[in-house]
Amino acid sequence: MTITIEERAAIEVRAEGRKLTGYAALYNTEARIADFSETISPGAFDTSLAESRDILALVDHDRTKVLGRTKAGTLRLSSDTRGLKFEIDLPNTTVANDVLANVRNMGGCSFGFSVDKENWQGERRTLQSVTLHEVSVVSAWPAYDGTSVSARARQQRTAAQRRIALLEMEAQ
């Protein structure tokens, strides 16, 4: 079984001493992803957070650039009315020092996830429940502004498959 991990971004990160804080995802905020729009429902991360999974804090989704992790207590995540909030206690490493020194120039934040429950209405997707794998500080362009994530974010559907999905939603 192959699990597709998608990435999305938000644009808020702050440094307080050797701690980074911000929002990796914002609820009810529409983003354009390739040929569709997407929003995240409040509570979409609740199951992942309750499962006490080992979620990583990374730089640019790179698993070799670990800034923190939930199992070590160096990454703390919570969901509030605004979105998925994070707090990272940065280690004294070259990677973390570079992020801290360059925080004002960073592109924002992002998160890697796989979809558990989603709702499609035409070309609009609402993420209702996701499995969170990681949060990332991104150095250049957050995922919402474009590129590689759009190729993996949605399975291509034929016109007939889209029509069937719409009919199924109308029947509910």
Foldseek 3Di string as FASTA:
>chain_A
DDFFKFKFADADWDDDPQKIKDAQFFAPDWFDQPQFIEGEHQPQEVVQVVVQDWAFEAAPPDPVGTQDTVVVPQKDWDGDNTHIMIMGRGDPDPSSVVCVVCVVQWQGKMWIWTADDWADDQRYIYRHHINTHYMYTYRHHGPSVDDDSSVRVDDDDDPVRSVVSNVVVVVD
